[in-house]
Amino acid sequence: MFDQPFAKQLSSLEIPILLISGEHDTLRASLEPAQALLKHGSMKVIPNQGPYICDQNPQVVADVIKVIYPVIRGDIMLIILLFIL
């Protein structure tokens, strides 16, 4: 469908990347290969959550970010990838 070099793009990122997924999200399987491509990637799977956790339970997502990145400085950029196509 899309002809995008996602692997090359992900592996070129030099910033911290946080991958977040619900435990029961069907797209969760795509996060582990994506994390393997990231130089500074981490992953958090939220228990007992499904897809669209940012819409269905935004407080849980916010709490994860607060715990993992308690202080975000101006020189650090945080990107949350909820879905990898």
C-alpha atoms as a PDB file:
ATOM      1  CA  MET A   1       0.000   0.000   0.000  1.00  0.00           C
ATOM      2  CA  PHE A   2       2.689   2.489   1.022  1.00  0.00           C
ATOM      3  CA  ASP A   3       6.176   2.488  -0.404  1.00  0.00           C
ATOM      4  CA  GLN A   4       7.985   4.032   2.538  1.00  0.00           C
ATOM      5  CA  PRO A   5      11.433   3.030   3.800  1.00  0.00           C
ATOM      6  CA  PHE A   6      10.276   2.820   7.428  1.00  0.00           C
ATOM      7  CA  ALA A   7      13.199   0.653   8.535  1.00  0.00           C
ATOM      8  CA  LYS A   8      15.721   3.139   7.182  1.00  0.00           C
ATOM      9  CA  GLN A   9      13.814   6.068   8.658  1.00  0.00           C
ATOM     10  CA  LEU A  10      13.528   4.494  12.110  1.00  0.00           C
ATOM     11  CA  SER A  11      17.172   3.465  12.229  1.00  0.00           C
ATOM     12  CA  SER A  12      18.287   7.005  11.371  1.00  0.00           C
ATOM     13  CA  LEU A  13      16.588   8.641  14.369  1.00  0.00           C
ATOM     14  CA  GLU A  14      19.002   9.960  16.999  1.00  0.00           C
ATOM     15  CA  ILE A  15      16.445  10.954  19.634  1.00  0.00           C
ATOM     16  CA  PRO A  16      14.811   8.955  22.454  1.00  0.00           C
ATOM     17  CA  ILE A  17      11.711   7.162  21.228  1.00  0.00           C
ATOM     18  CA  LEU A  18       9.043   5.693  23.477  1.00  0.00           C
ATOM     19  CA  LEU A  19       6.796   3.065  21.909  1.00  0.00           C
ATOM     20  CA  ILE A  20       3.512   2.623  23.775  1.00  0.00           C
ATOM     21  CA  SER A  21       0.931  -0.064  23.183  1.00  0.00           C
ATOM     22  CA  GLY A  22      -1.964  -1.690  24.956  1.00  0.00           C
ATOM     23  CA  GLU A  23      -1.491  -5.319  25.941  1.00  0.00           C
ATOM     24  CA  HIS A  24      -4.374  -6.413  23.714  1.00  0.00           C
ATOM     25  CA  ASP A  25      -3.647  -4.094  20.773  1.00  0.00           C
ATOM     26  CA  THR A  26      -3.422  -6.118  17.556  1.00  0.00           C
ATOM     27  CA  LEU A  27      -0.677  -3.823  16.264  1.00  0.00           C
ATOM     28  CA  ARG A  28       1.555  -4.527  19.270  1.00  0.00           C
ATOM     29  CA  ALA A  29       3.420  -7.212  17.308  1.00  0.00           C
ATOM     30  CA  SER A  30       4.867  -4.507  15.057  1.00  0.00           C
ATOM     31  CA  LEU A  31       6.484  -2.655  17.967  1.00  0.00           C
ATOM     32  CA  GLU A  32       9.255  -5.132  18.780  1.00  0.00           C
ATOM     33  CA  PRO A  33      10.744  -5.047  15.258  1.00  0.00           C
ATOM     34  CA  ALA A  34      10.429  -1.253  15.308  1.00  0.00           C
ATOM     35  CA  GLN A  35      12.181  -1.025  18.674  1.00  0.00           C
ATOM     36  CA  ALA A  36      15.029  -3.184  17.371  1.00  0.00           C
ATOM     37  CA  LEU A  37      15.640  -0.587  14.647  1.00  0.00           C
ATOM     38  CA  LEU A  38      15.781   2.356  17.038  1.00  0.00           C
ATOM     39  CA  LYS A  39      19.095   3.499  18.482  1.00  0.00           C
ATOM     40  CA  HIS A  40      17.471   4.986  21.582  1.00  0.00           C
ATOM     41  CA  GLY A  41      14.147   3.190  21.737  1.00  0.00           C
ATOM     42  CA  SER A  42      12.201   1.890  24.689  1.00  0.00           C
ATOM     43  CA  MET A  43       8.848   0.161  24.808  1.00  0.00           C
ATOM     44  CA  LYS A  44       6.024   0.098  27.330  1.00  0.00           C
ATOM     45  CA  VAL A  45       3.113  -2.308  27.023  1.00  0.00           C
ATOM     46  CA  ILE A  46       0.216  -1.192  29.197  1.00  0.00           C
ATOM     47  CA  PRO A  47      -1.542  -4.163  30.848  1.00  0.00           C
ATOM     48  CA  ASN A  48      -5.257  -4.781  30.317  1.00  0.00           C
ATOM     49  CA  GLN A  49      -5.531  -2.181  27.547  1.00  0.00           C
ATOM     50  CA  GLY A  50      -6.498  -2.582  23.913  1.00  0.00           C
ATOM     51  CA  PRO A  51      -6.137  -0.376  20.861  1.00  0.00           C
ATOM     52  CA  TYR A  52      -6.720   3.386  20.971  1.00  0.00           C
ATOM     53  CA  ILE A  53      -5.498   3.696  24.544  1.00  0.00           C
ATOM     54  CA  CYS A  54      -4.734   7.375  24.004  1.00  0.00           C
ATOM     55  CA  ASP A  55      -8.441   7.935  23.288  1.00  0.00           C
ATOM     56  CA  GLN A  56      -9.980   5.389  25.643  1.00  0.00           C
ATOM     57  CA  ASN A  57      -7.702   5.855  28.641  1.00  0.00           C
ATOM     58  CA  PRO A  58      -5.507   8.950  28.210  1.00  0.00           C
ATOM     59  CA  GLN A  59      -4.680   9.170  31.917  1.00  0.00           C
ATOM     60  CA  VAL A  60      -2.943   5.769  31.797  1.00  0.00           C
ATOM     61  CA  VAL A  61      -0.810   6.961  28.877  1.00  0.00           C
ATOM     62  CA  ALA A  62       0.011  10.208  30.694  1.00  0.00           C
ATOM     63  CA  ASP A  63       0.994   8.272  33.818  1.00  0.00           C
ATOM     64  CA  VAL A  64       3.371   6.066  31.794  1.00  0.00           C
ATOM     65  CA  ILE A  65       5.065   9.119  30.318  1.00  0.00           C
ATOM     66  CA  LYS A  66       5.391  10.743  33.756  1.00  0.00           C
ATOM     67  CA  VAL A  67       7.073   7.634  35.186  1.00  0.00           C
ATOM     68  CA  ILE A  68       9.424   6.949  32.281  1.00  0.00           C
ATOM     69  CA  TYR A  69      10.412  10.565  31.601  1.00  0.00           C
ATOM     70  CA  PRO A  70      10.002  12.465  34.890  1.00  0.00           C
ATOM     71  CA  VAL A  71      11.991  15.420  33.569  1.00  0.00           C
ATOM     72  CA  ILE A  72      12.051  16.276  29.899  1.00  0.00           C
ATOM     73  CA  ARG A  73      14.697  18.876  29.173  1.00  0.00           C
ATOM     74  CA  GLY A  74      14.693  21.164  26.180  1.00  0.00           C
ATOM     75  CA  ASP A  75      17.487  19.174  24.545  1.00  0.00           C
ATOM     76  CA  ILE A  76      15.569  15.890  24.729  1.00  0.00           C
ATOM     77  CA  MET A  77      12.731  15.145  22.393  1.00  0.00           C
ATOM     78  CA  LEU A  78      10.072  12.546  23.132  1.00  0.00           C
ATOM     79  CA  ILE A  79       8.061  10.945  20.381  1.00  0.00           C
ATOM     80  CA  ILE A  80       5.294   8.499  21.091  1.00  0.00           C
ATOM     81  CA  LEU A  81       4.616   6.043  18.319  1.00  0.00           C
ATOM     82  CA  LEU A  82       1.258   4.470  18.947  1.00  0.00           C
ATOM     83  CA  PHE A  83       1.004   2.661  15.647  1.00  0.00           C
ATOM     84  CA  ILE A  84       3.593   1.376  13.209  1.00  0.00           C
ATOM     85  CA  LEU A  85       2.176   0.649   9.765  1.00  0.00           C
END
